[in-house]
Amino acid sequence: MGVLDGKAAVVTGAGRGIGRGHCVHLAQAGAGVVVNDIDHAEAEKVVSELKGGGARAVAIAADIGSRAGAEELIELCCKEFGAIDIIVN
């Protein structure tokens, strides 16, 4: 059991670099992770990596600079995990 079991995290800019690293650490701690990146293919790669390690994860390419994009991101997280507990931006 991880310290974040049952929690849900949203990470933006998560397709590579520091954002990807945050996703990996959150997943290792037990959180479900919404991987958001403008490059959907990169987000999907991270999700595949996380799921390969047994994590719950989903990818999205939402533009959080717009209200519609932010709402889309929130809706996905709530649909998949029930709530948002952690946001890394």
PDB file of N, CA and C in Angstrom:
ATOM      1  N   MET A   1       0.838  -1.185   0.000  1.00  0.00           N
ATOM      2  CA  MET A   1       0.000   0.000   0.000  1.00  0.00           C
ATOM      3  C   MET A   1       0.881   1.246   0.000  1.00  0.00           C
ATOM      4  N   GLY A   2       0.507   2.190  -0.844  1.00  0.00           N
ATOM      5  CA  GLY A   2       1.246   3.436  -0.904  1.00  0.00           C
ATOM      6  C   GLY A   2       0.571   4.515  -0.077  1.00  0.00           C
ATOM      7  N   VAL A   3       1.299   5.537   0.231  1.00  0.00           N
ATOM      8  CA  VAL A   3       0.748   6.630   1.038  1.00  0.00           C
ATOM      9  C   VAL A   3      -0.329   7.413   0.297  1.00  0.00           C
ATOM     10  N   LEU A   4      -0.402   7.262  -1.030  1.00  0.00           N
ATOM     11  CA  LEU A   4      -1.407   7.985  -1.815  1.00  0.00           C
ATOM     12  C   LEU A   4      -2.480   7.063  -2.396  1.00  0.00           C
ATOM     13  N   ASP A   5      -2.598   5.853  -1.878  1.00  0.00           N
ATOM     14  CA  ASP A   5      -3.637   4.936  -2.356  1.00  0.00           C
ATOM     15  C   ASP A   5      -5.002   5.602  -2.259  1.00  0.00           C
ATOM     16  N   GLY A   6      -5.777   5.495  -3.329  1.00  0.00           N
ATOM     17  CA  GLY A   6      -7.116   6.067  -3.348  1.00  0.00           C
ATOM     18  C   GLY A   6      -7.171   7.536  -3.697  1.00  0.00           C
ATOM     19  N   LYS A   7      -6.035   8.167  -3.866  1.00  0.00           N
ATOM     20  CA  LYS A   7      -5.981   9.583  -4.235  1.00  0.00           C
ATOM     21  C   LYS A   7      -5.828   9.714  -5.743  1.00  0.00           C
ATOM     22  N   ALA A   8      -6.203  10.884  -6.259  1.00  0.00           N
ATOM     23  CA  ALA A   8      -6.089  11.156  -7.694  1.00  0.00           C
ATOM     24  C   ALA A   8      -5.258  12.407  -7.910  1.00  0.00           C
ATOM     25  N   ALA A   9      -4.331  12.323  -8.847  1.00  0.00           N
ATOM     26  CA  ALA A   9      -3.443  13.442  -9.150  1.00  0.00           C
ATOM     27  C   ALA A   9      -3.579  13.846 -10.608  1.00  0.00           C
ATOM     28  N   VAL A  10      -3.557  15.146 -10.849  1.00  0.00           N
ATOM     29  CA  VAL A  10      -3.518  15.712 -12.195  1.00  0.00           C
ATOM     30  C   VAL A  10      -2.145  16.341 -12.362  1.00  0.00           C
ATOM     31  N   VAL A  11      -1.432  15.961 -13.411  1.00  0.00           N
ATOM     32  CA  VAL A  11      -0.117  16.540 -13.684  1.00  0.00           C
ATOM     33  C   VAL A  11      -0.144  17.142 -15.082  1.00  0.00           C
ATOM     34  N   THR A  12       0.167  18.438 -15.173  1.00  0.00           N
ATOM     35  CA  THR A  12       0.216  19.107 -16.472  1.00  0.00           C
ATOM     36  C   THR A  12       1.655  19.146 -16.967  1.00  0.00           C
ATOM     37  N   GLY A  13       1.825  19.230 -18.276  1.00  0.00           N
ATOM     38  CA  GLY A  13       3.168  19.190 -18.856  1.00  0.00           C
ATOM     39  C   GLY A  13       3.841  17.873 -18.531  1.00  0.00           C
ATOM     40  N   ALA A  14       3.050  16.800 -18.568  1.00  0.00           N
ATOM     41  CA  ALA A  14       3.478  15.521 -18.023  1.00  0.00           C
ATOM     42  C   ALA A  14       4.038  14.544 -19.049  1.00  0.00           C
ATOM     43  N   GLY A  15       4.183  14.949 -20.276  1.00  0.00           N
ATOM     44  CA  GLY A  15       4.647  14.042 -21.315  1.00  0.00           C
ATOM     45  C   GLY A  15       6.125  13.731 -21.280  1.00  0.00           C
ATOM     46  N   ARG A  16       6.897  14.521 -20.560  1.00  0.00           N
ATOM     47  CA  ARG A  16       8.339  14.310 -20.509  1.00  0.00           C
ATOM     48  C   ARG A  16       8.941  15.114 -19.355  1.00  0.00           C
ATOM     49  N   GLY A  17      10.195  14.912 -19.113  1.00  0.00           N
ATOM     50  CA  GLY A  17      10.936  15.702 -18.137  1.00  0.00           C
ATOM     51  C   GLY A  17      10.390  15.636 -16.720  1.00  0.00           C
ATOM     52  N   ILE A  18      10.365  16.806 -16.069  1.00  0.00           N
ATOM     53  CA  ILE A  18       9.948  16.886 -14.671  1.00  0.00           C
ATOM     54  C   ILE A  18       8.500  16.440 -14.495  1.00  0.00           C
ATOM     55  N   GLY A  19       7.625  16.818 -15.425  1.00  0.00           N
ATOM     56  CA  GLY A  19       6.226  16.403 -15.336  1.00  0.00           C
ATOM     57  C   GLY A  19       6.084  14.892 -15.354  1.00  0.00           C
ATOM     58  N   ARG A  20       6.812  14.240 -16.243  1.00  0.00           N
ATOM     59  CA  ARG A  20       6.816  12.777 -16.304  1.00  0.00           C
ATOM     60  C   ARG A  20       7.316  12.201 -14.988  1.00  0.00           C
ATOM     61  N   GLY A  21       8.373  12.800 -14.458  1.00  0.00           N
ATOM     62  CA  GLY A  21       8.918  12.344 -13.180  1.00  0.00           C
ATOM     63  C   GLY A  21       7.908  12.439 -12.051  1.00  0.00           C
ATOM     64  N   HIS A  22       7.150  13.533 -12.024  1.00  0.00           N
ATOM     65  CA  HIS A  22       6.092  13.666 -11.011  1.00  0.00           C
ATOM     66  C   HIS A  22       5.077  12.534 -11.160  1.00  0.00           C
ATOM     67  N   CYS A  23       4.688  12.234 -12.393  1.00  0.00           N
ATOM     68  CA  CYS A  23       3.726  11.150 -12.640  1.00  0.00           C
ATOM     69  C   CYS A  23       4.239   9.827 -12.091  1.00  0.00           C
ATOM     70  N   VAL A  24       5.487   9.521 -12.372  1.00  0.00           N
ATOM     71  CA  VAL A  24       6.082   8.261 -11.920  1.00  0.00           C
ATOM     72  C   VAL A  24       6.064   8.179 -10.398  1.00  0.00           C
ATOM     73  N   HIS A  25       6.490   9.227  -9.724  1.00  0.00           N
ATOM     74  CA  HIS A  25       6.548   9.209  -8.256  1.00  0.00           C
ATOM     75  C   HIS A  25       5.161   9.137  -7.630  1.00  0.00           C
ATOM     76  N   LEU A  26       4.204   9.879  -8.181  1.00  0.00           N
ATOM     77  CA  LEU A  26       2.836   9.830  -7.661  1.00  0.00           C
ATOM     78  C   LEU A  26       2.241   8.438  -7.839  1.00  0.00           C
ATOM     79  N   ALA A  27       2.465   7.840  -8.998  1.00  0.00           N
ATOM     80  CA  ALA A  27       1.950   6.492  -9.252  1.00  0.00           C
ATOM     81  C   ALA A  27       2.604   5.468  -8.324  1.00  0.00           C
ATOM     82  N   GLN A  28       3.909   5.592  -8.105  1.00  0.00           N
ATOM     83  CA  GLN A  28       4.605   4.672  -7.207  1.00  0.00           C
ATOM     84  C   GLN A  28       4.075   4.780  -5.783  1.00  0.00           C
ATOM     85  N   ALA A  29       3.575   5.959  -5.425  1.00  0.00           N
ATOM     86  CA  ALA A  29       3.006   6.167  -4.089  1.00  0.00           C
ATOM     87  C   ALA A  29       1.549   5.718  -4.017  1.00  0.00           C
ATOM     88  N   GLY A  30       0.986   5.272  -5.152  1.00  0.00           N
ATOM     89  CA  GLY A  30      -0.356   4.713  -5.155  1.00  0.00           C
ATOM     90  C   GLY A  30      -1.449   5.567  -5.752  1.00  0.00           C
ATOM     91  N   ALA A  31      -1.137   6.778  -6.167  1.00  0.00           N
ATOM     92  CA  ALA A  31      -2.165   7.662  -6.733  1.00  0.00           C
ATOM     93  C   ALA A  31      -2.552   7.242  -8.142  1.00  0.00           C
ATOM     94  N   GLY A  32      -3.808   7.486  -8.490  1.00  0.00           N
ATOM     95  CA  GLY A  32      -4.225   7.424  -9.879  1.00  0.00           C
ATOM     96  C   GLY A  32      -3.771   8.726 -10.517  1.00  0.00           C
ATOM     97  N   VAL A  33      -3.319   8.687 -11.755  1.00  0.00           N
ATOM     98  CA  VAL A  33      -2.710   9.868 -12.365  1.00  0.00           C
ATOM     99  C   VAL A  33      -3.375  10.226 -13.693  1.00  0.00           C
ATOM    100  N   VAL A  34      -3.751  11.500 -13.821  1.00  0.00           N
ATOM    101  CA  VAL A  34      -4.188  12.051 -15.100  1.00  0.00           C
ATOM    102  C   VAL A  34      -2.974  12.742 -15.696  1.00  0.00           C
ATOM    103  N   VAL A  35      -2.498  12.221 -16.814  1.00  0.00           N
ATOM    104  CA  VAL A  35      -1.308  12.725 -17.489  1.00  0.00           C
ATOM    105  C   VAL A  35      -1.758  13.698 -18.574  1.00  0.00           C
ATOM    106  N   ASN A  36      -1.525  14.989 -18.357  1.00  0.00           N
ATOM    107  CA  ASN A  36      -1.936  16.004 -19.330  1.00  0.00           C
ATOM    108  C   ASN A  36      -0.710  16.591 -20.020  1.00  0.00           C
ATOM    109  N   ASP A  37      -0.745  16.577 -21.344  1.00  0.00           N
ATOM    110  CA  ASP A  37       0.322  17.192 -22.129  1.00  0.00           C
ATOM    111  C   ASP A  37      -0.258  17.639 -23.459  1.00  0.00           C
ATOM    112  N   ILE A  38       0.227  18.732 -23.981  1.00  0.00           N
ATOM    113  CA  ILE A  38      -0.243  19.245 -25.268  1.00  0.00           C
ATOM    114  C   ILE A  38       0.006  18.231 -26.386  1.00  0.00           C
ATOM    115  N   ASP A  39       1.023  17.375 -26.203  1.00  0.00           N
ATOM    116  CA  ASP A  39       1.340  16.304 -27.150  1.00  0.00           C
ATOM    117  C   ASP A  39       0.711  15.009 -26.636  1.00  0.00           C
ATOM    118  N   HIS A  40      -0.447  14.675 -27.179  1.00  0.00           N
ATOM    119  CA  HIS A  40      -1.192  13.511 -26.681  1.00  0.00           C
ATOM    120  C   HIS A  40      -0.391  12.218 -26.790  1.00  0.00           C
ATOM    121  N   ALA A  41       0.400  12.070 -27.837  1.00  0.00           N
ATOM    122  CA  ALA A  41       1.208  10.859 -28.007  1.00  0.00           C
ATOM    123  C   ALA A  41       2.208  10.699 -26.863  1.00  0.00           C
ATOM    124  N   GLU A  42       2.808  11.800 -26.434  1.00  0.00           N
ATOM    125  CA  GLU A  42       3.756  11.746 -25.312  1.00  0.00           C
ATOM    126  C   GLU A  42       3.030  11.388 -24.020  1.00  0.00           C
ATOM    127  N   ALA A  43       1.841  11.950 -23.827  1.00  0.00           N
ATOM    128  CA  ALA A  43       1.048  11.623 -22.639  1.00  0.00           C
ATOM    129  C   ALA A  43       0.700  10.139 -22.626  1.00  0.00           C
ATOM    130  N   GLU A  44       0.344   9.601 -23.772  1.00  0.00           N
ATOM    131  CA  GLU A  44       0.006   8.179 -23.877  1.00  0.00           C
ATOM    132  C   GLU A  44       1.209   7.294 -23.552  1.00  0.00           C
ATOM    133  N   LYS A  45       2.408   7.720 -23.947  1.00  0.00           N
ATOM    134  CA  LYS A  45       3.617   6.953 -23.624  1.00  0.00           C
ATOM    135  C   LYS A  45       3.804   6.862 -22.112  1.00  0.00           C
ATOM    136  N   VAL A  46       3.592   7.987 -21.436  1.00  0.00           N
ATOM    137  CA  VAL A  46       3.734   8.001 -19.975  1.00  0.00           C
ATOM    138  C   VAL A  46       2.678   7.096 -19.346  1.00  0.00           C
ATOM    139  N   VAL A  47       1.442   7.174 -19.830  1.00  0.00           N
ATOM    140  CA  VAL A  47       0.375   6.320 -19.305  1.00  0.00           C
ATOM    141  C   VAL A  47       0.733   4.847 -19.492  1.00  0.00           C
ATOM    142  N   SER A  48       1.250   4.480 -20.640  1.00  0.00           N
ATOM    143  CA  SER A  48       1.655   3.089 -20.883  1.00  0.00           C
ATOM    144  C   SER A  48       2.721   2.652 -19.891  1.00  0.00           C
ATOM    145  N   GLU A  49       3.674   3.532 -19.644  1.00  0.00           N
ATOM    146  CA  GLU A  49       4.738   3.236 -18.677  1.00  0.00           C
ATOM    147  C   GLU A  49       4.151   3.026 -17.280  1.00  0.00           C
ATOM    148  N   LEU A  50       3.249   3.917 -16.880  1.00  0.00           N
ATOM    149  CA  LEU A  50       2.654   3.822 -15.547  1.00  0.00           C
ATOM    150  C   LEU A  50       1.813   2.556 -15.405  1.00  0.00           C
ATOM    151  N   LYS A  51       1.004   2.279 -16.415  1.00  0.00           N
ATOM    152  CA  LYS A  51       0.162   1.081 -16.369  1.00  0.00           C
ATOM    153  C   LYS A  51       1.005  -0.187 -16.374  1.00  0.00           C
ATOM    154  N   GLY A  52       2.147  -0.139 -17.051  1.00  0.00           N
ATOM    155  CA  GLY A  52       3.063  -1.275 -17.050  1.00  0.00           C
ATOM    156  C   GLY A  52       3.577  -1.600 -15.661  1.00  0.00           C
ATOM    157  N   GLY A  53       3.603  -0.588 -14.809  1.00  0.00           N
ATOM    158  CA  GLY A  53       4.015  -0.776 -13.425  1.00  0.00           C
ATOM    159  C   GLY A  53       2.845  -1.025 -12.488  1.00  0.00           C
ATOM    160  N   GLY A  54       1.654  -1.190 -13.056  1.00  0.00           N
ATOM    161  CA  GLY A  54       0.484  -1.494 -12.239  1.00  0.00           C
ATOM    162  C   GLY A  54      -0.325  -0.299 -11.779  1.00  0.00           C
ATOM    163  N   ALA A  55       0.013   0.885 -12.251  1.00  0.00           N
ATOM    164  CA  ALA A  55      -0.686   2.102 -11.815  1.00  0.00           C
ATOM    165  C   ALA A  55      -1.973   2.328 -12.597  1.00  0.00           C
ATOM    166  N   ARG A  56      -2.832   3.145 -12.027  1.00  0.00           N
ATOM    167  CA  ARG A  56      -4.033   3.619 -12.714  1.00  0.00           C
ATOM    168  C   ARG A  56      -3.676   4.962 -13.325  1.00  0.00           C
ATOM    169  N   ALA A  57      -3.882   5.104 -14.626  1.00  0.00           N
ATOM    170  CA  ALA A  57      -3.507   6.350 -15.296  1.00  0.00           C
ATOM    171  C   ALA A  57      -4.320   6.533 -16.563  1.00  0.00           C
ATOM    172  N   VAL A  58      -4.492   7.797 -16.944  1.00  0.00           N
ATOM    173  CA  VAL A  58      -5.213   8.152 -18.158  1.00  0.00           C
ATOM    174  C   VAL A  58      -4.551   9.383 -18.763  1.00  0.00           C
ATOM    175  N   ALA A  59      -4.555   9.455 -20.093  1.00  0.00           N
ATOM    176  CA  ALA A  59      -3.921  10.571 -20.806  1.00  0.00           C
ATOM    177  C   ALA A  59      -4.969  11.523 -21.361  1.00  0.00           C
ATOM    178  N   ILE A  60      -4.579  12.789 -21.456  1.00  0.00           N
ATOM    179  CA  ILE A  60      -5.415  13.812 -22.071  1.00  0.00           C
ATOM    180  C   ILE A  60      -4.495  14.901 -22.614  1.00  0.00           C
ATOM    181  N   ALA A  61      -4.960  15.580 -23.649  1.00  0.00           N
ATOM    182  CA  ALA A  61      -4.222  16.720 -24.211  1.00  0.00           C
ATOM    183  C   ALA A  61      -5.121  17.942 -24.107  1.00  0.00           C
ATOM    184  N   ALA A  62      -5.346  18.400 -22.880  1.00  0.00           N
ATOM    185  CA  ALA A  62      -6.220  19.544 -22.636  1.00  0.00           C
ATOM    186  C   ALA A  62      -5.400  20.827 -22.557  1.00  0.00           C
ATOM    187  N   ASP A  63      -5.886  21.881 -23.193  1.00  0.00           N
ATOM    188  CA  ASP A  63      -5.258  23.203 -23.119  1.00  0.00           C
ATOM    189  C   ASP A  63      -5.790  23.897 -21.877  1.00  0.00           C
ATOM    190  N   ILE A  64      -5.025  23.843 -20.792  1.00  0.00           N
ATOM    191  CA  ILE A  64      -5.507  24.418 -19.539  1.00  0.00           C
ATOM    192  C   ILE A  64      -5.449  25.941 -19.525  1.00  0.00           C
ATOM    193  N   GLY A  65      -4.958  26.524 -20.608  1.00  0.00           N
ATOM    194  CA  GLY A  65      -4.990  27.978 -20.743  1.00  0.00           C
ATOM    195  C   GLY A  65      -6.376  28.489 -21.099  1.00  0.00           C
ATOM    196  N   SER A  66      -7.269  27.560 -21.444  1.00  0.00           N
ATOM    197  CA  SER A  66      -8.648  27.941 -21.757  1.00  0.00           C
ATOM    198  C   SER A  66      -9.587  27.323 -20.726  1.00  0.00           C
ATOM    199  N   ARG A  67     -10.678  28.003 -20.484  1.00  0.00           N
ATOM    200  CA  ARG A  67     -11.663  27.497 -19.531  1.00  0.00           C
ATOM    201  C   ARG A  67     -12.177  26.121 -19.964  1.00  0.00           C
ATOM    202  N   ALA A  68     -12.477  25.980 -21.260  1.00  0.00           N
ATOM    203  CA  ALA A  68     -12.999  24.710 -21.768  1.00  0.00           C
ATOM    204  C   ALA A  68     -12.000  23.575 -21.552  1.00  0.00           C
ATOM    205  N   GLY A  69     -10.724  23.848 -21.789  1.00  0.00           N
ATOM    206  CA  GLY A  69      -9.699  22.830 -21.588  1.00  0.00           C
ATOM    207  C   GLY A  69      -9.561  22.437 -20.133  1.00  0.00           C
ATOM    208  N   ALA A  70      -9.593  23.429 -19.249  1.00  0.00           N
ATOM    209  CA  ALA A  70      -9.505  23.151 -17.814  1.00  0.00           C
ATOM    210  C   ALA A  70     -10.705  22.330 -17.350  1.00  0.00           C
ATOM    211  N   GLU A  71     -11.888  22.680 -17.845  1.00  0.00           N
ATOM    212  CA  GLU A  71     -13.091  21.931 -17.481  1.00  0.00           C
ATOM    213  C   GLU A  71     -13.024  20.495 -17.989  1.00  0.00           C
ATOM    214  N   GLU A  72     -12.495  20.317 -19.194  1.00  0.00           N
ATOM    215  CA  GLU A  72     -12.335  18.975 -19.760  1.00  0.00           C
ATOM    216  C   GLU A  72     -11.416  18.125 -18.878  1.00  0.00           C
ATOM    217  N   LEU A  73     -10.332  18.718 -18.421  1.00  0.00           N
ATOM    218  CA  LEU A  73      -9.374  18.025 -17.562  1.00  0.00           C
ATOM    219  C   LEU A  73     -10.021  17.632 -16.232  1.00  0.00           C
ATOM    220  N   ILE A  74     -10.741  18.564 -15.629  1.00  0.00           N
ATOM    221  CA  ILE A  74     -11.424  18.301 -14.358  1.00  0.00           C
ATOM    222  C   ILE A  74     -12.455  17.187 -14.524  1.00  0.00           C
ATOM    223  N   GLU A  75     -13.245  17.273 -15.578  1.00  0.00           N
ATOM    224  CA  GLU A  75     -14.280  16.265 -15.824  1.00  0.00           C
ATOM    225  C   GLU A  75     -13.683  14.873 -15.994  1.00  0.00           C
ATOM    226  N   LEU A  76     -12.576  14.781 -16.723  1.00  0.00           N
ATOM    227  CA  LEU A  76     -11.945  13.479 -16.927  1.00  0.00           C
ATOM    228  C   LEU A  76     -11.466  12.899 -15.603  1.00  0.00           C
ATOM    229  N   CYS A  77     -10.809  13.700 -14.801  1.00  0.00           N
ATOM    230  CA  CYS A  77     -10.291  13.206 -13.528  1.00  0.00           C
ATOM    231  C   CYS A  77     -11.435  12.740 -12.627  1.00  0.00           C
ATOM    232  N   CYS A  78     -12.481  13.533 -12.545  1.00  0.00           N
ATOM    233  CA  CYS A  78     -13.619  13.161 -11.697  1.00  0.00           C
ATOM    234  C   CYS A  78     -14.311  11.904 -12.208  1.00  0.00           C
ATOM    235  N   LYS A  79     -14.402  11.763 -13.519  1.00  0.00           N
ATOM    236  CA  LYS A  79     -15.017  10.567 -14.110  1.00  0.00           C
ATOM    237  C   LYS A  79     -14.184   9.321 -13.818  1.00  0.00           C
ATOM    238  N   GLU A  80     -12.874   9.438 -13.993  1.00  0.00           N
ATOM    239  CA  GLU A  80     -11.990   8.278 -13.837  1.00  0.00           C
ATOM    240  C   GLU A  80     -11.695   7.929 -12.378  1.00  0.00           C
ATOM    241  N   PHE A  81     -11.549   8.955 -11.527  1.00  0.00           N
ATOM    242  CA  PHE A  81     -11.073   8.720 -10.166  1.00  0.00           C
ATOM    243  C   PHE A  81     -11.984   9.264  -9.071  1.00  0.00           C
ATOM    244  N   GLY A  82     -13.062   9.953  -9.444  1.00  0.00           N
ATOM    245  CA  GLY A  82     -14.028  10.428  -8.459  1.00  0.00           C
ATOM    246  C   GLY A  82     -13.792  11.818  -7.910  1.00  0.00           C
ATOM    247  N   ALA A  83     -12.569  12.288  -7.930  1.00  0.00           N
ATOM    248  CA  ALA A  83     -12.233  13.607  -7.375  1.00  0.00           C
ATOM    249  C   ALA A  83     -10.812  13.969  -7.793  1.00  0.00           C
ATOM    250  N   ILE A  84     -10.422  15.183  -7.478  1.00  0.00           N
ATOM    251  CA  ILE A  84      -9.034  15.616  -7.656  1.00  0.00           C
ATOM    252  C   ILE A  84      -8.472  15.881  -6.268  1.00  0.00           C
ATOM    253  N   ASP A  85      -7.413  15.176  -5.925  1.00  0.00           N
ATOM    254  CA  ASP A  85      -6.777  15.365  -4.623  1.00  0.00           C
ATOM    255  C   ASP A  85      -5.471  16.141  -4.723  1.00  0.00           C
ATOM    256  N   ILE A  86      -4.790  16.016  -5.858  1.00  0.00           N
ATOM    257  CA  ILE A  86      -3.465  16.620  -6.040  1.00  0.00           C
ATOM    258  C   ILE A  86      -3.396  17.224  -7.433  1.00  0.00           C
ATOM    259  N   ILE A  87      -2.869  18.445  -7.527  1.00  0.00           N
ATOM    260  CA  ILE A  87      -2.619  19.070  -8.829  1.00  0.00           C
ATOM    261  C   ILE A  87      -1.157  19.486  -8.871  1.00  0.00           C
ATOM    262  N   VAL A  88      -0.463  19.072  -9.925  1.00  0.00           N
ATOM    263  CA  VAL A  88       0.919  19.493 -10.152  1.00  0.00           C
ATOM    264  C   VAL A  88       0.928  20.227 -11.481  1.00  0.00           C
ATOM    265  N   ASN A  89       1.239  21.523 -11.443  1.00  0.00           N
ATOM    266  CA  ASN A  89       1.221  22.355 -12.647  1.00  0.00           C
ATOM    267  C   ASN A  89       2.584  23.001 -12.824  1.00  0.00           C
TER     268      ASN A  89
END
